[in-house]
Amino acid sequence: MKRALVIRHVDHEGIAGYREPVEAAGYEIERVAAHHAGCAKLDILAPDLVVVMGGPMGVYDNDRFPWLDDEIAVLRRRIAADRPTLGVCLGSQLIAAAMGARVRKGPAREIGFAPLTLTAAGTAGPLRHLAGTDVLHWHGDTFDIPAGADLLATTPLYAQAFARGRNLLALQFHAEMGEDERFDHWLTNDAADIAEVGKTPDALRADHDRLGPPAVAAGRAMIADWLAGLS
């Protein structure tokens, strides 16, 4: 059986809805906490797939979270070897940093369900499954598109996804979230950020219950399509 390593930064941001297509593609999932594992010691080339999940910290917060530098370093090795790698939210930002791109605070937070605008490259690949679908956004940082990568999707404020070849996919948004009970933790833990964008936990919960299942279904189709195309 193939091995997928999921790198987590907080317990409430796991692989969630993407678990189903990863397991269906024949991967056995292992999980590791980036801040506990000693990232510098990870045999990062060994897993058949690495999935780097989200978290509340920023790539630039290495003074408070020094292990971020180790994580970027091991991701740089994996990306240089063109080993299959998927990043979600913070994971996408770490991948961008590992590829030499600038990661920074954005002009405003994006929290809530909204559609993506796909580029031509996005429409031609696995992200086509998300066309016309509202997916969850929950971030305040952004990245430049790394050299050699293709921009796949945007929202009015942010680049939302990029890819390099068949084996690297970076997603700023959360199409894995929409049916996971850990969403309640997001609503409780990020109350100040929710208020900052003029929304309420109750309104986000209602959107989650209505828009979450179709978003996750589209996200699963996207990931299954991407996994099938790995080289």
Protein backbone atom coordinates (compact mmCIF):
# COMPACT_ATOMS: atom_id res chain seq x y z
CA MET A 1 0.00 0.00 0.00
CA LYS A 2 1.19 3.51 -0.79
CA ARG A 3 1.95 5.85 2.10
CA ALA A 4 0.55 9.37 2.56
CA LEU A 5 2.03 11.58 5.27
CA VAL A 6 -0.25 14.36 6.55
CA ILE A 7 1.64 17.18 8.28
CA ARG A 8 -0.63 19.02 10.72
CA HIS A 9 -0.01 22.27 12.57
CA VAL A 10 -3.08 22.21 14.85
CA ASP A 11 -5.40 19.34 15.69
CA HIS A 12 -8.53 21.00 14.29
CA GLU A 13 -7.08 21.34 10.78
CA GLY A 14 -6.74 17.80 9.48
CA ILE A 15 -7.21 16.18 6.09
CA ALA A 16 -11.00 16.16 6.66
CA GLY A 17 -12.94 15.62 3.42
CA TYR A 18 -9.82 14.81 1.41
CA ARG A 19 -9.27 11.60 3.39
CA GLU A 20 -11.81 9.70 1.31
CA PRO A 21 -10.18 10.20 -2.14
CA VAL A 22 -6.68 9.68 -0.71
CA GLU A 23 -7.65 6.35 0.81
CA ALA A 24 -9.65 5.38 -2.27
CA ALA A 25 -6.50 5.92 -4.33
CA GLY A 26 -4.73 3.27 -2.26
CA TYR A 27 -2.83 5.35 0.30
CA GLU A 28 -2.44 4.48 3.96
CA ILE A 29 -2.53 7.76 5.88
CA GLU A 30 -0.05 8.64 8.62
CA ARG A 31 -0.22 11.87 10.56
CA VAL A 32 2.51 13.91 12.17
CA ALA A 33 2.43 17.18 14.11
CA ALA A 34 4.96 19.55 12.57
CA HIS A 35 5.84 21.18 15.87
CA HIS A 36 6.31 17.88 17.71
CA ALA A 37 7.96 15.72 15.08
CA GLY A 38 11.22 17.55 14.67
CA CYS A 39 10.66 18.46 11.04
CA ALA A 40 14.38 18.53 10.31
CA LYS A 41 14.48 14.78 11.01
CA LEU A 42 11.59 13.81 8.74
CA ASP A 43 12.47 11.44 5.91
CA ILE A 44 10.53 13.72 3.63
CA LEU A 45 11.29 11.88 0.40
CA ALA A 46 10.02 8.51 1.61
CA PRO A 47 6.21 8.99 1.57
CA ASP A 48 4.47 8.49 -1.76
CA LEU A 49 2.37 11.57 -0.96
CA VAL A 50 2.83 14.47 1.48
CA VAL A 51 -0.17 16.62 2.45
CA VAL A 52 0.64 19.84 4.34
CA MET A 53 -2.39 21.21 6.17
CA GLY A 54 -3.34 24.61 7.56
CA GLY A 55 -2.82 26.48 10.82
CA PRO A 56 -3.27 29.88 12.44
CA MET A 57 0.40 30.89 12.25
CA GLY A 58 2.05 32.63 9.31
CA VAL A 59 5.13 31.55 7.40
CA TYR A 60 6.85 34.69 8.74
CA ASP A 61 6.14 33.73 12.40
CA ASN A 62 9.37 31.75 12.69
CA ASP A 63 10.42 33.79 15.73
CA ARG A 64 7.51 32.29 17.66
CA PHE A 65 7.50 28.95 15.81
CA PRO A 66 11.13 28.18 14.89
CA TRP A 67 10.18 24.77 13.53
CA LEU A 68 8.64 26.55 10.52
CA ASP A 69 12.14 27.03 9.10
CA ASP A 70 12.79 23.28 9.37
CA GLU A 71 9.48 22.52 7.70
CA ILE A 72 10.23 24.85 4.80
CA ALA A 73 13.67 23.26 4.42
CA VAL A 74 12.34 19.70 4.20
CA LEU A 75 9.57 20.76 1.83
CA ARG A 76 12.21 22.40 -0.37
CA ARG A 77 13.98 19.04 -0.64
CA ARG A 78 10.79 17.22 -1.51
CA ILE A 79 9.73 19.77 -4.11
CA ALA A 80 13.21 19.71 -5.69
CA ALA A 81 12.83 15.94 -6.04
CA ASP A 82 9.38 16.42 -7.67
CA ARG A 83 7.71 14.09 -5.18
CA PRO A 84 3.87 14.37 -4.98
CA THR A 85 2.98 17.18 -2.58
CA LEU A 86 -0.32 18.86 -1.71
CA GLY A 87 -0.61 22.01 0.41
CA VAL A 88 -3.74 23.52 1.97
CA CYS A 89 -3.91 27.11 3.29
CA LEU A 90 -0.79 27.45 5.48
CA GLY A 91 0.46 24.38 3.62
CA SER A 92 0.20 26.24 0.31
CA GLN A 93 2.03 29.22 1.81
CA LEU A 94 4.82 26.97 3.11
CA ILE A 95 5.17 25.43 -0.33
CA ALA A 96 5.37 28.88 -1.90
CA ALA A 97 8.07 29.89 0.58
CA ALA A 98 9.97 26.66 -0.06
CA MET A 99 9.93 27.52 -3.78
CA GLY A 100 11.39 30.97 -3.11
CA ALA A 101 8.19 33.02 -3.44
CA ARG A 102 7.20 35.84 -1.09
CA VAL A 103 4.51 35.13 1.52
CA ARG A 104 2.97 38.08 3.31
CA LYS A 105 -0.10 39.46 5.05
CA GLY A 106 -2.89 40.26 2.62
CA PRO A 107 -5.04 43.39 2.42
CA ALA A 108 -7.92 41.84 4.37
CA ARG A 109 -9.05 38.55 5.83
CA GLU A 110 -11.16 36.23 3.71
CA ILE A 111 -13.56 34.17 5.82
CA GLY A 112 -16.63 32.37 4.50
CA PHE A 113 -17.91 30.55 1.45
CA ALA A 114 -17.32 32.09 -1.96
CA PRO A 115 -16.64 30.87 -5.51
CA LEU A 116 -13.30 30.78 -7.29
CA THR A 117 -12.42 32.30 -10.63
CA LEU A 118 -10.47 29.68 -12.54
CA THR A 119 -7.68 30.56 -14.93
CA ALA A 120 -7.30 28.70 -18.23
CA ALA A 121 -4.81 26.39 -16.54
CA GLY A 122 -7.25 25.82 -13.68
CA THR A 123 -10.11 25.00 -16.01
CA ALA A 124 -7.93 22.51 -17.89
CA GLY A 125 -7.01 20.55 -14.74
CA PRO A 126 -8.49 19.05 -11.57
CA LEU A 127 -9.80 22.40 -10.30
CA ARG A 128 -12.46 22.31 -13.03
CA HIS A 129 -14.53 20.25 -10.57
CA LEU A 130 -14.86 23.40 -8.42
CA ALA A 131 -16.28 25.61 -11.16
CA GLY A 132 -19.38 27.41 -9.91
CA THR A 133 -19.01 25.99 -6.39
CA ASP A 134 -18.75 28.10 -3.24
CA VAL A 135 -15.81 26.84 -1.17
CA LEU A 136 -14.62 27.83 2.29
CA HIS A 137 -12.00 30.56 2.65
CA TRP A 138 -10.31 31.24 5.97
CA HIS A 139 -7.08 33.18 5.73
CA GLY A 140 -5.42 36.58 5.87
CA ASP A 141 -2.08 35.82 4.20
CA THR A 142 -1.17 35.53 0.55
CA PHE A 143 1.73 34.50 -1.68
CA ASP A 144 3.36 35.33 -4.96
CA ILE A 145 3.16 32.56 -7.54
CA PRO A 146 6.51 30.73 -7.51
CA ALA A 147 8.70 30.67 -10.60
CA GLY A 148 7.80 27.72 -12.80
CA ALA A 149 4.31 27.35 -11.32
CA ASP A 150 0.94 28.03 -12.94
CA LEU A 151 -1.77 30.14 -11.30
CA LEU A 152 -4.98 28.09 -11.21
CA ALA A 153 -7.58 30.17 -9.38
CA THR A 154 -8.22 33.56 -7.79
CA THR A 155 -10.73 35.54 -5.78
CA PRO A 156 -10.96 39.35 -6.02
CA LEU A 157 -8.35 39.76 -3.27
CA TYR A 158 -6.09 36.73 -3.58
CA ALA A 159 -4.35 34.12 -5.66
CA GLN A 160 -6.00 30.89 -4.55
CA ALA A 161 -4.12 27.98 -6.12
CA PHE A 162 -1.05 27.08 -8.11
CA ALA A 163 0.53 23.95 -9.50
CA ARG A 164 3.86 22.88 -10.89
CA GLY A 165 3.65 19.98 -13.28
CA ARG A 166 1.62 16.98 -12.20
CA ASN A 167 3.06 16.44 -8.75
CA LEU A 168 2.60 19.71 -6.87
CA LEU A 169 -0.71 21.35 -5.99
CA ALA A 170 -1.12 24.28 -3.57
CA LEU A 171 -4.60 25.39 -2.46
CA GLN A 172 -5.25 28.48 -0.36
CA PHE A 173 -8.94 27.60 0.14
CA HIS A 174 -10.57 24.77 2.13
CA ALA A 175 -12.60 22.50 -0.13
CA GLU A 176 -11.88 19.75 2.42
CA MET A 177 -14.12 21.49 4.98
CA GLY A 178 -17.89 21.35 4.89
CA GLU A 179 -18.84 18.13 6.68
CA ASP A 180 -16.29 18.00 9.50
CA GLU A 181 -17.39 18.52 13.10
CA ARG A 182 -14.11 20.33 13.80
CA PHE A 183 -15.61 23.36 12.06
CA ASP A 184 -17.19 24.20 15.41
CA HIS A 185 -13.68 24.74 16.77
CA TRP A 186 -12.96 27.18 13.93
CA LEU A 187 -16.08 29.16 14.85
CA THR A 188 -15.15 29.28 18.53
CA ASN A 189 -11.41 29.73 18.22
CA ASP A 190 -11.49 32.49 15.58
CA ALA A 191 -14.36 34.62 16.92
CA ALA A 192 -12.30 37.84 16.74
CA ASP A 193 -11.35 37.23 13.10
CA ILE A 194 -14.96 36.45 12.22
CA ALA A 195 -16.11 39.73 13.78
CA GLU A 196 -13.34 41.59 11.94
CA VAL A 197 -14.84 40.62 8.56
CA GLY A 198 -18.36 41.56 9.68
CA LYS A 199 -19.77 38.05 10.00
CA THR A 200 -21.12 35.95 12.84
CA PRO A 201 -20.54 32.34 13.85
CA ASP A 202 -24.25 31.63 13.39
CA ALA A 203 -24.24 32.93 9.82
CA LEU A 204 -21.11 30.94 8.98
CA ARG A 205 -22.65 27.81 10.51
CA ALA A 206 -25.75 28.25 8.34
CA ASP A 207 -23.58 28.68 5.23
CA HIS A 208 -21.54 25.65 6.24
CA ASP A 209 -24.61 23.47 6.60
CA ARG A 210 -26.01 24.61 3.24
CA LEU A 211 -22.89 24.98 1.11
CA GLY A 212 -20.46 22.62 2.81
CA PRO A 213 -21.60 19.25 1.40
CA PRO A 214 -21.48 20.30 -2.28
CA ALA A 215 -18.12 22.00 -1.67
CA VAL A 216 -16.65 18.84 -0.15
CA ALA A 217 -18.06 16.69 -2.97
CA ALA A 218 -16.38 18.96 -5.52
CA GLY A 219 -13.17 18.99 -3.47
CA ARG A 220 -13.08 15.21 -3.34
CA ALA A 221 -13.53 15.01 -7.11
CA MET A 222 -10.67 17.50 -7.55
CA ILE A 223 -8.28 15.54 -5.31
CA ALA A 224 -9.22 12.20 -6.90
CA ASP A 225 -8.54 13.69 -10.32
CA TRP A 226 -5.19 15.12 -9.21
CA LEU A 227 -4.07 11.86 -7.59
CA ALA A 228 -4.96 9.93 -10.74
CA GLY A 229 -2.65 12.19 -12.75
CA LEU A 230 0.46 11.92 -10.57
CA SER A 231 3.59 10.96 -12.44
